[in-house]
N, C-alpha and C. Protein backbone atom coordinates (compact mmCIF):
# COMPACT_ATOMS: atom_id res chain seq x y z
N MET A 1 0.42 -1.39 -14.30
CA MET A 1 1.14 0.12 -14.18
C MET A 1 1.93 0.27 -15.40
N GLU A 2 1.68 1.85 -15.98
CA GLU A 2 2.16 1.76 -17.02
C GLU A 2 2.80 3.26 -16.51
N VAL A 3 4.13 2.81 -17.21
CA VAL A 3 5.10 4.06 -16.56
C VAL A 3 5.12 5.06 -17.54
N THR A 4 5.00 6.33 -17.44
CA THR A 4 4.61 7.68 -18.09
C THR A 4 5.92 8.49 -18.11
N ASN A 5 6.40 9.58 -18.78
CA ASN A 5 7.50 10.40 -18.75
C ASN A 5 7.03 11.62 -18.59
N ASN A 6 5.52 11.78 -18.23
CA ASN A 6 4.58 12.99 -17.79
C ASN A 6 5.35 13.11 -16.53
N PRO A 7 5.95 14.60 -16.38
CA PRO A 7 6.68 15.09 -14.95
C PRO A 7 5.00 15.42 -14.16
N THR A 8 3.95 15.86 -14.55
CA THR A 8 3.17 15.62 -13.92
C THR A 8 2.31 14.61 -13.00
N ASN A 9 3.03 13.36 -13.43
CA ASN A 9 2.38 12.12 -12.90
C ASN A 9 3.35 11.88 -11.70
N GLY A 10 4.26 12.69 -11.22
CA GLY A 10 5.45 12.54 -9.93
C GLY A 10 4.09 12.42 -8.77
N GLU A 11 3.27 13.37 -8.58
CA GLU A 11 2.48 13.31 -7.07
C GLU A 11 1.95 12.24 -7.38
N GLU A 12 1.19 11.70 -8.05
CA GLU A 12 0.37 10.49 -8.22
C GLU A 12 0.75 9.32 -8.19
N GLU A 13 2.06 8.93 -8.69
CA GLU A 13 3.30 7.95 -8.25
C GLU A 13 3.03 7.89 -6.66
N SER A 14 3.78 9.00 -6.01
CA SER A 14 3.94 8.86 -4.70
C SER A 14 2.64 8.48 -4.20
N ASN A 15 1.77 9.02 -4.57
CA ASN A 15 0.22 8.49 -3.71
C ASN A 15 -0.11 7.31 -3.78
N GLU A 16 0.27 6.85 -4.74
CA GLU A 16 -0.13 5.56 -5.41
C GLU A 16 0.79 4.88 -3.93
N GLN A 17 1.87 5.00 -3.66
CA GLN A 17 2.68 4.43 -3.12
C GLN A 17 2.52 4.41 -1.84
N GLU A 18 1.65 5.74 -1.27
CA GLU A 18 1.75 5.55 0.28
C GLU A 18 -0.04 4.77 0.35
N ASN A 19 -0.52 4.55 -0.86
CA ASN A 19 -1.65 3.73 -0.58
C ASN A 19 -1.23 2.42 -0.35
N LYS A 20 -0.31 1.68 -1.19
CA LYS A 20 0.22 0.78 -1.07
C LYS A 20 0.33 0.38 0.48
N HIS A 21 1.36 1.20 0.77
CA HIS A 21 1.72 1.25 2.01
C HIS A 21 0.69 1.03 3.12
N TRP A 22 -0.51 1.88 3.02
CA TRP A 22 -1.58 2.11 3.70
C TRP A 22 -2.30 0.52 3.85
N TRP A 23 -2.34 -0.14 2.89
CA TRP A 23 -2.91 -1.36 2.37
C TRP A 23 -2.22 -2.59 3.22
N LEU A 24 -0.44 -2.30 2.98
CA LEU A 24 0.41 -3.05 3.77
C LEU A 24 -0.02 -3.67 5.20
N GLY A 25 -0.20 -2.51 5.64
CA GLY A 25 -0.13 -1.83 6.95
C GLY A 25 -1.60 -2.43 7.62
N LEU A 26 -2.72 -2.90 6.99
CA LEU A 26 -3.90 -3.16 7.22
C LEU A 26 -4.02 -4.42 7.01
N ILE A 27 -3.27 -4.96 5.90
CA ILE A 27 -3.22 -6.34 5.46
C ILE A 27 -2.66 -7.06 7.06
N ILE A 28 -1.02 -6.62 7.02
CA ILE A 28 -0.35 -7.46 7.75
C ILE A 28 -1.01 -7.32 9.33
N SER A 29 -2.25 -5.86 9.76
CA SER A 29 -2.44 -6.02 11.45
C SER A 29 -3.85 -6.99 11.01
N ILE A 30 -4.38 -7.08 10.30
CA ILE A 30 -5.40 -8.05 9.99
C ILE A 30 -4.91 -9.30 10.26
N ILE A 31 -3.98 -9.64 9.53
CA ILE A 31 -3.22 -11.33 9.59
C ILE A 31 -2.60 -11.51 11.28
N ALA A 32 -1.97 -10.46 11.62
CA ALA A 32 -1.57 -10.54 13.17
C ALA A 32 -2.81 -10.74 13.89
N HIS A 33 -3.66 -9.84 13.60
CA HIS A 33 -4.80 -9.86 14.89
C HIS A 33 -5.48 -11.75 14.59
N VAL A 34 -5.78 -11.97 13.41
CA VAL A 34 -6.42 -13.74 13.01
C VAL A 34 -5.41 -14.32 13.79
N ALA A 35 -3.68 -14.45 13.93
CA ALA A 35 -3.11 -15.14 14.11
C ALA A 35 -2.79 -15.01 15.67
N ASN A 36 -3.14 -14.09 16.19
CA ASN A 36 -3.49 -14.00 17.39
C ASN A 36 -4.42 -14.77 17.83
N SER A 37 -5.94 -14.36 17.25
CA SER A 37 -6.76 -15.17 17.64
C SER A 37 -6.70 -16.99 17.40
N LEU A 38 -6.16 -17.37 16.55
CA LEU A 38 -5.75 -18.71 16.38
C LEU A 38 -5.21 -19.46 17.23
N LEU A 39 -3.98 -18.70 17.75
CA LEU A 39 -3.05 -19.15 19.06
C LEU A 39 -3.83 -18.98 19.95
């Protein structure tokens, strides 16, 4: 991830953060589902 001083990059950065949170939620859900299956 390279940091730029380009003001037009603000939207893309916030968009990337949303995608990361979406992936985190998905991964956590999968881990929780697998854990419940094993237990």
